[in-house]
Amino acid sequence: MLIGGFFCWQYTLAQEQKPLLLSEAIQTGLKNYQSLQAKQNYLHSSAELVKNTRSEYLPNILTSIQQSFGTVNGQFGPSSAYGASGTSSSGPVGSSQSWTAAFGGVYVLNTNWEVFSFGRLKSRINYSISQVNKDSADLVQEQFIQGVKIAGIYLNLLIAQTLLKSAYANLERAKYIQLVAIARTKGGLNAGVDSSIANAEVSKAKLLIYDAVNTAQQYSNQLAQLMNAAPADYEIDSAFLKNLPKTYNTDFAIDQNPQVKFYKTRVDQSNSYSSLLAKSILPGVNLFGIFQTRGSGFDYNYTPLNNAYSKDYFTGINPTRSNYVAGVSMAWNIMSISKIKHQVLAQQFISKGLQNEYDLISTQLKDQLVLADQRIANSLQSWREAPVQYKAASDAYLQKSVLFKNGLSNIIDLQQALYLLNRAETDQSVAYVNVWQSLLQKAAASGDFDLFLKQVR
């Protein structure tokens, strides 16, 4: 019941469901996959940090407004505040404590601008840009890998569905042999063991279908995961079973592969950070300016012995005395040379390590490209030979089945012919797809995904 029901469902699906094109599957995966969305957000973050780094050249402008109420007692003698903020009151020194208090106000404008950093700011900007380049290359690499993964699973699912159809065809042939064997056994023309062997062959054919169904469902589920879509039984485009690629050549160099480009940006970023560390020991030239104005409820001639003060709020906060300071300064931490030197050396070793990884991935992809060309040649040879094998196996099965039906051959020979036919049918079914898989491998190694995509729907 399961096999018959599944076969009917497959037939209905093929009639009603529109095939999922590979291009549609890739577009869906690139749009919906969460890993790609995460890397897009990382890229947006890096771009914002570049803007933030550029804005560091702007001067710092601090403003402060303070209004207070308190006393202004003064006292000769040393003192030090520990664990708490002290007061900034100032006034005449009296012979005793006075609790006379009035309002006061302080208004400050402070500016500081590092006008020349000897390349430190530029190196920070370059490092931020290198982070953007790395995140951008990482996103492109992830999109490339995701597209290749979807294409690979798509072709595997097509093979699984093709093998499932072959398994059903094998079951039908096994059932035919079963009917003939049972009829001849009942008529006394064959031994009873022949019918048992035929029954076992039918059971084996059903088990092959169960395995094929399981494999197809696994690939279908993997395809749904890569597209970030709900699991479904996808109907795959059968055009891959009828057509071959028109070209197998690409002009792409290995260093154009998105994976290689990503590794290159890692090296560039590390070198940029090494330059940033080296320039962090350089001094900086700053322009600064401070303007301060104060107001006080205490008059200029106030002493603890007179009443030259006012408790009026507006009198106290009205600014009456102002000061300013402007100048240029250069600061340089000389000891930073010895501190930063080892950080620079450490980062240079990291750059060399990243360069080694870059060389490794380049070598691996070059080797894979050679293997892909070899696989293409081999798969084309298999594609040419598969029909020959199928024709011979089909003729042999037809002859053995006729001989067996007429009692001129035994069931063992017929089973052997059935096995050969089933294997030949399977090889012929996947011969086309194997060529496409070989081309996909070359596209993945070279980085020229369009070599594959432009030849599919």
Protein backbone atom coordinates (compact mmCIF):
# COMPACT_ATOMS: atom_id res chain seq x y z
CA MET A 1 0.00 0.00 0.00
CA LEU A 2 2.82 2.37 0.84
CA ILE A 3 4.58 1.82 -2.47
CA GLY A 4 1.46 2.09 -4.57
CA GLY A 5 0.25 5.14 -2.66
CA PHE A 6 3.60 6.85 -2.97
CA PHE A 7 3.73 6.11 -6.69
CA CYS A 8 0.28 7.63 -7.20
CA TRP A 9 1.28 10.65 -5.14
CA GLN A 10 4.41 11.08 -7.24
CA TYR A 11 2.36 10.93 -10.42
CA THR A 12 -0.13 13.50 -9.09
CA LEU A 13 2.71 15.75 -7.96
CA ALA A 14 4.32 15.63 -11.37
CA GLN A 15 1.01 16.57 -12.99
CA GLU A 16 -0.02 19.38 -10.62
CA GLN A 17 3.17 20.90 -9.21
CA LYS A 18 5.30 23.23 -11.25
CA PRO A 19 8.95 22.11 -11.23
CA LEU A 20 11.26 24.11 -8.99
CA LEU A 21 13.87 25.67 -11.26
CA LEU A 22 17.44 25.77 -10.01
CA SER A 23 17.61 29.53 -10.54
CA GLU A 24 14.53 29.97 -8.34
CA ALA A 25 16.01 27.77 -5.62
CA ILE A 26 19.26 29.76 -5.61
CA GLN A 27 17.49 33.13 -5.55
CA THR A 28 15.30 31.99 -2.66
CA GLY A 29 18.29 30.71 -0.72
CA LEU A 30 20.34 33.87 -1.24
CA LYS A 31 17.40 35.99 -0.12
CA ASN A 32 16.21 34.03 2.90
CA TYR A 33 19.21 32.24 4.39
CA GLN A 34 19.91 33.65 7.87
CA SER A 35 23.69 33.32 7.64
CA LEU A 36 23.73 35.62 4.62
CA GLN A 37 21.45 38.10 6.36
CA ALA A 38 23.81 38.12 9.35
CA LYS A 39 26.82 38.85 7.17
CA GLN A 40 24.93 41.67 5.46
CA ASN A 41 24.34 43.24 8.88
CA TYR A 42 28.02 42.82 9.77
CA LEU A 43 28.89 44.67 6.56
CA HIS A 44 26.48 47.50 7.41
CA SER A 45 28.08 47.75 10.86
CA SER A 46 31.59 48.00 9.38
CA ALA A 47 30.44 50.73 6.98
CA GLU A 48 29.08 52.76 9.88
CA LEU A 49 32.36 52.35 11.78
CA VAL A 50 34.22 53.87 8.81
CA LYS A 51 31.99 56.95 9.09
CA ASN A 52 32.66 57.05 12.82
CA THR A 53 36.42 56.86 12.28
CA ARG A 54 36.34 59.68 9.74
CA SER A 55 34.45 61.85 12.23
CA GLU A 56 37.30 61.48 14.74
CA TYR A 57 39.09 64.32 12.92
CA LEU A 58 36.45 66.74 14.15
CA PRO A 59 37.43 68.78 17.25
CA ASN A 60 36.05 68.07 20.71
CA ILE A 61 33.85 70.88 21.98
CA LEU A 62 32.70 70.59 25.58
CA THR A 63 30.35 72.98 27.30
CA SER A 64 29.50 73.09 30.97
CA ILE A 65 27.00 75.11 33.00
CA GLN A 66 27.04 74.92 36.77
CA GLN A 67 24.92 76.81 39.26
CA SER A 68 25.42 76.26 42.96
CA PHE A 69 24.73 77.59 46.45
CA GLY A 70 27.27 77.39 49.27
CA THR A 71 29.84 78.97 51.51
CA VAL A 72 33.30 80.34 50.58
CA ASN A 73 35.44 79.73 53.68
CA GLY A 74 39.16 79.41 53.06
CA GLN A 75 41.96 78.02 55.23
CA PHE A 76 45.74 77.84 55.01
CA GLY A 77 47.18 74.29 55.20
CA PRO A 78 47.70 71.12 53.17
CA SER A 79 44.80 68.76 52.45
CA SER A 80 43.96 65.86 50.15
CA ALA A 81 40.63 64.35 49.28
CA TYR A 82 40.53 60.53 49.16
CA GLY A 83 37.56 58.51 48.02
CA ALA A 84 35.29 61.52 47.49
CA SER A 85 35.15 64.70 45.45
CA GLY A 86 36.31 67.86 47.16
CA THR A 87 34.78 71.34 46.88
CA SER A 88 36.04 74.16 44.70
CA SER A 89 34.98 77.00 46.97
CA SER A 90 37.36 79.95 47.26
CA GLY A 91 37.24 82.95 49.47
CA PRO A 92 39.09 84.98 52.11
CA VAL A 93 40.63 83.32 55.14
CA GLY A 94 38.71 84.17 58.30
CA SER A 95 39.48 83.74 61.97
CA SER A 96 36.44 81.47 62.45
CA GLN A 97 33.90 79.42 60.53
CA SER A 98 31.27 81.43 58.66
CA TRP A 99 28.04 79.94 57.35
CA THR A 100 27.34 82.86 55.07
CA ALA A 101 26.26 81.47 51.70
CA ALA A 102 25.26 82.81 48.30
CA PHE A 103 24.57 81.60 44.76
CA GLY A 104 27.25 81.27 42.11
CA GLY A 105 27.67 80.02 38.55
CA VAL A 106 30.42 78.70 36.30
CA TYR A 107 30.16 78.54 32.49
CA VAL A 108 32.87 76.77 30.51
CA LEU A 109 33.56 76.24 26.81
CA ASN A 110 36.45 73.83 26.14
CA THR A 111 37.76 72.88 22.70
CA ASN A 112 40.50 70.45 21.71
CA TRP A 113 41.45 69.57 18.14
CA GLU A 114 44.20 67.23 17.04
CA VAL A 115 45.03 68.93 13.77
CA PHE A 116 47.97 66.73 12.85
CA SER A 117 48.45 63.10 13.87
CA PHE A 118 51.39 62.09 11.63
CA GLY A 119 49.22 59.56 9.78
CA ARG A 120 47.61 57.90 12.82
CA LEU A 121 44.07 58.96 11.88
CA LYS A 122 44.56 57.93 8.27
CA SER A 123 45.81 54.53 9.37
CA ARG A 124 42.70 54.10 11.54
CA ILE A 125 40.50 54.99 8.58
CA ASN A 126 42.39 52.56 6.36
CA TYR A 127 41.97 49.83 8.95
CA SER A 128 38.22 50.52 9.13
CA ILE A 129 38.02 50.36 5.34
CA SER A 130 39.91 47.06 5.36
CA GLN A 131 37.27 45.70 7.74
CA VAL A 132 34.56 46.74 5.28
CA ASN A 133 36.46 45.07 2.45
CA LYS A 134 36.81 41.87 4.46
CA ASP A 135 33.13 41.78 5.47
CA SER A 136 32.11 42.52 1.89
CA ALA A 137 34.32 39.71 0.56
CA ASP A 138 32.99 37.42 3.27
CA LEU A 139 29.42 38.15 2.17
CA VAL A 140 30.23 37.52 -1.50
CA GLN A 141 32.07 34.33 -0.57
CA GLU A 142 29.12 33.12 1.51
CA GLN A 143 26.70 33.86 -1.32
CA PHE A 144 28.95 31.96 -3.73
CA ILE A 145 29.26 28.95 -1.43
CA GLN A 146 25.53 28.99 -0.70
CA GLY A 147 24.71 29.01 -4.41
CA VAL A 148 27.08 26.09 -5.05
CA LYS A 149 25.59 24.14 -2.12
CA ILE A 150 22.05 24.66 -3.39
CA ALA A 151 23.04 23.60 -6.91
CA GLY A 152 24.80 20.50 -5.56
CA ILE A 153 21.86 19.40 -3.41
CA TYR A 154 19.47 20.20 -6.26
CA LEU A 155 21.35 17.84 -8.61
CA ASN A 156 21.60 15.18 -5.90
CA LEU A 157 17.85 15.38 -5.38
CA LEU A 158 17.32 15.03 -9.13
CA ILE A 159 19.49 11.89 -9.14
CA ALA A 160 17.59 10.52 -6.12
CA GLN A 161 14.24 11.07 -7.81
CA THR A 162 15.56 9.51 -11.02
CA LEU A 163 16.80 6.47 -9.13
CA LEU A 164 13.42 6.22 -7.46
CA LYS A 165 11.75 5.96 -10.86
CA SER A 166 14.28 3.30 -11.87
CA ALA A 167 13.50 1.42 -8.66
CA TYR A 168 9.79 1.39 -9.57
CA ALA A 169 10.64 0.10 -13.04
CA ASN A 170 12.77 -2.61 -11.45
CA LEU A 171 9.87 -3.57 -9.19
CA GLU A 172 7.55 -3.96 -12.15
CA ARG A 173 10.03 -6.28 -13.88
CA ALA A 174 10.48 -8.28 -10.68
CA LYS A 175 6.71 -8.67 -10.38
CA TYR A 176 6.51 -9.90 -13.94
CA ILE A 177 9.17 -12.53 -13.22
CA GLN A 178 7.25 -13.46 -10.08
CA LEU A 179 4.04 -14.03 -12.00
CA VAL A 180 5.81 -16.18 -14.61
CA ALA A 181 7.68 -18.19 -11.98
CA ILE A 182 4.53 -18.85 -9.92
CA ALA A 183 2.56 -19.88 -13.01
CA ARG A 184 5.27 -22.28 -14.16
CA THR A 185 5.70 -23.66 -10.64
CA LYS A 186 1.97 -24.34 -10.34
CA GLY A 187 2.08 -26.06 -13.73
CA GLY A 188 4.95 -28.23 -12.59
CA LEU A 189 7.31 -26.75 -15.17
CA ASN A 190 9.63 -25.18 -12.61
CA ALA A 191 10.81 -26.15 -9.18
CA GLY A 192 9.15 -24.52 -6.19
CA VAL A 193 12.36 -22.81 -5.28
CA ASP A 194 12.04 -20.63 -8.38
CA SER A 195 8.89 -19.00 -7.04
CA SER A 196 10.64 -18.42 -3.70
CA ILE A 197 13.56 -16.77 -5.46
CA ALA A 198 11.13 -14.62 -7.46
CA ASN A 199 9.31 -13.61 -4.25
CA ALA A 200 12.63 -12.64 -2.68
CA GLU A 201 13.50 -10.54 -5.72
CA VAL A 202 10.20 -8.64 -5.46
CA SER A 203 10.80 -8.03 -1.77
CA LYS A 204 14.32 -6.79 -2.54
CA ALA A 205 12.92 -4.43 -5.20
CA LYS A 206 10.50 -2.98 -2.62
CA LEU A 207 13.34 -2.44 -0.15
CA LEU A 208 15.28 -0.57 -2.85
CA ILE A 209 12.27 1.71 -3.30
CA TYR A 210 12.10 2.40 0.43
CA ASP A 211 15.79 3.34 0.42
CA ALA A 212 15.33 5.53 -2.66
CA VAL A 213 12.36 7.31 -1.04
CA ASN A 214 14.39 7.92 2.11
CA THR A 215 17.31 9.34 0.12
CA ALA A 216 15.04 11.62 -1.91
CA GLN A 217 13.36 12.93 1.24
CA GLN A 218 16.72 13.63 2.86
CA TYR A 219 17.93 15.69 -0.10
CA SER A 220 14.58 17.45 -0.30
CA ASN A 221 14.84 18.41 3.36
CA GLN A 222 18.42 19.66 2.88
CA LEU A 223 17.30 21.78 -0.06
CA ALA A 224 14.53 23.30 2.07
CA GLN A 225 17.07 24.14 4.79
CA LEU A 226 19.40 25.87 2.34
CA MET A 227 16.49 27.93 1.00
CA ASN A 228 15.19 28.60 4.53
CA ALA A 229 11.82 27.31 3.38
CA ALA A 230 9.30 24.89 4.82
CA PRO A 231 10.12 21.23 4.03
CA ALA A 232 8.36 20.04 0.90
CA ASP A 233 8.58 17.32 -1.73
CA TYR A 234 10.01 19.37 -4.57
CA GLU A 235 9.52 18.43 -8.19
CA ILE A 236 12.91 18.97 -9.84
CA ASP A 237 13.45 20.26 -13.37
CA SER A 238 14.16 17.27 -15.61
CA ALA A 239 15.95 19.34 -18.28
CA PHE A 240 19.26 18.18 -16.77
CA LEU A 241 18.37 14.64 -17.89
CA LYS A 242 18.02 15.68 -21.52
CA ASN A 243 20.67 18.32 -22.23
CA LEU A 244 24.41 18.73 -21.79
CA PRO A 245 26.33 21.95 -21.07
CA LYS A 246 27.33 23.88 -24.18
CA THR A 247 30.71 24.98 -22.86
CA TYR A 248 33.13 23.85 -20.18
CA ASN A 249 35.71 26.63 -20.43
CA THR A 250 36.23 29.68 -18.23
CA ASP A 251 38.59 32.65 -18.36
CA PHE A 252 38.54 33.09 -14.58
CA ALA A 253 41.89 33.07 -12.77
CA ILE A 254 42.08 31.45 -9.36
CA ASP A 255 42.62 34.79 -7.63
CA GLN A 256 39.15 35.84 -8.84
CA ASN A 257 37.51 33.07 -6.84
CA PRO A 258 35.39 34.66 -4.05
CA GLN A 259 36.97 32.32 -1.51
CA VAL A 260 40.49 33.41 -2.51
CA LYS A 261 39.45 37.07 -2.46
CA PHE A 262 38.15 36.67 1.08
CA TYR A 263 41.45 35.18 2.26
CA LYS A 264 43.28 38.04 0.53
CA THR A 265 41.22 40.65 2.43
CA ARG A 266 42.17 38.92 5.68
CA VAL A 267 45.84 39.43 4.85
CA ASP A 268 45.20 43.05 3.86
CA GLN A 269 43.31 43.76 7.08
CA SER A 270 46.09 42.27 9.19
CA ASN A 271 48.69 44.37 7.37
CA SER A 272 46.53 47.43 7.87
CA TYR A 273 46.29 46.73 11.59
CA SER A 274 50.05 46.26 11.76
CA SER A 275 50.47 49.70 10.16
CA LEU A 276 47.98 51.15 12.65
CA LEU A 277 49.97 49.76 15.57
CA ALA A 278 53.25 51.08 14.16
CA LYS A 279 51.87 54.60 13.76
CA SER A 280 50.21 54.65 17.18
CA ILE A 281 53.61 55.54 18.74
CA LEU A 282 53.75 58.83 16.83
CA PRO A 283 52.94 62.16 18.58
CA GLY A 284 49.96 64.38 17.98
CA VAL A 285 49.67 68.15 17.53
CA ASN A 286 46.67 69.68 19.28
CA LEU A 287 45.05 73.09 19.21
CA PHE A 288 43.15 73.87 22.40
CA GLY A 289 41.10 76.70 23.79
CA ILE A 290 39.22 77.25 27.03
CA PHE A 291 36.81 80.05 27.86
CA GLN A 292 35.38 80.33 31.35
CA THR A 293 33.08 82.90 32.92
CA ARG A 294 31.89 82.97 36.50
CA GLY A 295 29.27 84.64 38.58
CA SER A 296 29.07 84.97 42.35
CA GLY A 297 26.81 86.45 44.97
CA PHE A 298 29.91 87.52 46.92
CA ASP A 299 31.32 90.95 46.05
CA TYR A 300 35.02 91.49 45.26
CA ASN A 301 35.58 93.14 48.71
CA TYR A 302 33.77 90.49 50.74
CA THR A 303 35.31 89.50 54.10
CA PRO A 304 33.84 87.56 57.00
CA LEU A 305 33.55 90.89 58.79
CA ASN A 306 31.26 92.67 56.34
CA ASN A 307 28.09 91.89 54.49
CA ALA A 308 29.33 92.43 50.92
CA TYR A 309 27.31 89.56 49.47
CA SER A 310 23.80 88.91 48.18
CA LYS A 311 21.59 85.82 48.47
CA ASP A 312 19.68 86.80 45.36
CA TYR A 313 19.72 83.90 42.88
CA PHE A 314 19.95 85.98 39.71
CA THR A 315 22.69 88.18 41.19
CA GLY A 316 24.73 85.05 41.98
CA ILE A 317 24.44 83.36 38.57
CA ASN A 318 25.09 86.51 36.55
CA PRO A 319 28.61 86.10 34.99
CA THR A 320 30.95 88.91 35.90
CA ARG A 321 34.47 87.51 35.52
CA SER A 322 35.87 85.68 32.46
CA ASN A 323 39.13 84.00 31.46
CA TYR A 324 40.38 82.28 28.36
CA VAL A 325 43.34 80.16 27.38
CA ALA A 326 44.39 79.22 23.85
CA GLY A 327 47.43 77.39 22.61
CA VAL A 328 49.04 74.52 20.78
CA SER A 329 50.52 71.38 22.29
CA MET A 330 52.33 68.26 21.17
CA ALA A 331 52.17 65.08 23.26
CA TRP A 332 54.30 62.00 22.72
CA ASN A 333 54.56 58.96 24.96
CA ILE A 334 58.18 58.01 24.38
CA MET A 335 57.87 54.72 26.27
CA SER A 336 55.17 53.56 23.84
CA ILE A 337 57.94 52.66 21.36
CA SER A 338 59.10 49.73 23.44
CA LYS A 339 55.52 48.78 24.36
CA ILE A 340 54.14 48.75 20.82
CA LYS A 341 57.17 47.14 19.14
CA HIS A 342 56.27 43.62 20.19
CA GLN A 343 52.60 44.11 19.26
CA VAL A 344 53.71 45.10 15.76
CA LEU A 345 55.92 42.04 15.48
CA ALA A 346 53.13 39.80 16.72
CA GLN A 347 50.72 41.23 14.15
CA GLN A 348 53.28 40.76 11.39
CA PHE A 349 53.50 37.07 12.29
CA ILE A 350 49.69 36.89 12.10
CA SER A 351 49.89 38.43 8.64
CA LYS A 352 52.37 35.77 7.58
CA GLY A 353 50.08 33.07 8.94
CA LEU A 354 47.13 34.48 7.03
CA GLN A 355 49.31 34.62 3.91
CA ASN A 356 50.08 30.92 4.38
CA GLU A 357 46.34 30.17 4.55
CA TYR A 358 45.81 32.27 1.43
CA ASP A 359 48.48 30.27 -0.41
CA LEU A 360 46.93 27.03 0.84
CA ILE A 361 43.41 27.79 -0.42
CA SER A 362 44.83 28.96 -3.76
CA THR A 363 46.78 25.72 -4.19
CA GLN A 364 43.79 23.59 -3.19
CA LEU A 365 41.49 25.33 -5.67
CA LYS A 366 44.04 24.97 -8.45
CA ASP A 367 44.22 21.23 -7.77
CA GLN A 368 40.40 21.02 -7.65
CA LEU A 369 40.23 22.80 -10.99
CA VAL A 370 42.48 20.18 -12.56
CA LEU A 371 40.38 17.42 -10.98
CA ALA A 372 37.19 19.06 -12.26
CA ASP A 373 38.48 19.04 -15.85
CA GLN A 374 39.40 15.39 -15.45
CA ARG A 375 35.97 14.60 -14.03
CA ILE A 376 34.27 16.39 -16.91
CA ALA A 377 36.21 14.29 -19.43
CA ASN A 378 35.40 11.09 -17.54
CA SER A 379 31.71 11.91 -17.13
CA LEU A 380 31.41 12.67 -20.87
CA GLN A 381 32.92 9.29 -21.64
CA SER A 382 30.44 7.66 -19.26
CA TRP A 383 27.60 9.59 -20.92
CA ARG A 384 28.63 8.20 -24.32
CA GLU A 385 29.00 4.64 -23.02
CA ALA A 386 25.84 4.46 -20.87
CA PRO A 387 23.40 4.02 -23.83
CA VAL A 388 25.55 1.22 -25.21
CA GLN A 389 25.46 -0.59 -21.88
CA TYR A 390 21.70 -0.04 -21.53
CA LYS A 391 20.99 -1.37 -25.03
CA ALA A 392 23.03 -4.51 -24.41
CA ALA A 393 21.52 -5.10 -20.96
CA SER A 394 17.99 -4.50 -22.25
CA ASP A 395 18.48 -6.99 -25.09
CA ALA A 396 19.95 -9.56 -22.70
CA TYR A 397 17.04 -9.20 -20.28
CA LEU A 398 14.50 -9.52 -23.07
CA GLN A 399 16.18 -12.69 -24.33
CA LYS A 400 16.48 -14.25 -20.88
CA SER A 401 12.87 -13.42 -19.97
CA VAL A 402 11.60 -15.04 -23.16
CA LEU A 403 13.79 -18.09 -22.61
CA PHE A 404 12.70 -18.38 -18.99
CA LYS A 405 9.04 -18.05 -19.92
CA ASN A 406 9.48 -20.93 -22.32
CA GLY A 407 11.50 -23.06 -19.90
CA LEU A 408 14.78 -22.65 -21.76
CA SER A 409 16.61 -20.75 -19.05
CA ASN A 410 16.75 -20.78 -15.26
CA ILE A 411 15.74 -18.03 -12.89
CA ILE A 412 19.33 -17.40 -11.77
CA ASP A 413 20.32 -16.35 -15.29
CA LEU A 414 17.23 -14.20 -15.53
CA GLN A 415 18.02 -12.52 -12.21
CA GLN A 416 21.52 -11.76 -13.41
CA ALA A 417 20.11 -10.18 -16.56
CA LEU A 418 17.64 -8.19 -14.42
CA TYR A 419 20.47 -6.94 -12.21
CA LEU A 420 22.49 -5.86 -15.24
CA LEU A 421 19.50 -4.06 -16.72
CA ASN A 422 18.73 -2.26 -13.48
CA ARG A 423 22.34 -1.09 -13.13
CA ALA A 424 22.49 0.00 -16.79
CA GLU A 425 19.22 1.89 -16.44
CA THR A 426 20.56 3.64 -13.35
CA ASP A 427 23.84 4.55 -15.06
CA GLN A 428 22.01 5.95 -18.07
CA SER A 429 19.68 7.98 -15.86
CA VAL A 430 22.45 9.73 -13.99
CA ALA A 431 24.93 10.07 -16.87
CA TYR A 432 23.61 13.51 -17.84
CA VAL A 433 23.51 14.74 -14.24
CA ASN A 434 27.07 13.57 -13.61
CA VAL A 435 28.24 15.87 -16.41
CA TRP A 436 26.41 18.79 -14.81
CA GLN A 437 27.89 17.95 -11.41
CA SER A 438 31.37 17.94 -12.95
CA LEU A 439 30.72 21.36 -14.45
CA LEU A 440 29.49 22.59 -11.06
CA GLN A 441 32.71 21.38 -9.48
CA LYS A 442 34.71 23.36 -12.03
CA ALA A 443 32.59 26.46 -11.44
CA ALA A 444 33.17 26.12 -7.69
CA ALA A 445 36.94 25.70 -8.10
CA SER A 446 37.37 28.54 -10.59
CA GLY A 447 34.93 30.91 -8.92
CA ASP A 448 33.07 31.41 -12.21
CA PHE A 449 29.58 30.41 -11.06
CA ASP A 450 28.09 31.96 -14.19
CA LEU A 451 29.80 29.20 -16.18
CA PHE A 452 27.22 26.90 -14.60
CA LEU A 453 24.26 29.24 -14.05
CA LYS A 454 24.08 30.67 -17.56
CA GLN A 455 23.52 27.18 -18.96
CA VAL A 456 20.63 26.21 -16.68
CA ARG A 457 17.16 27.54 -16.19
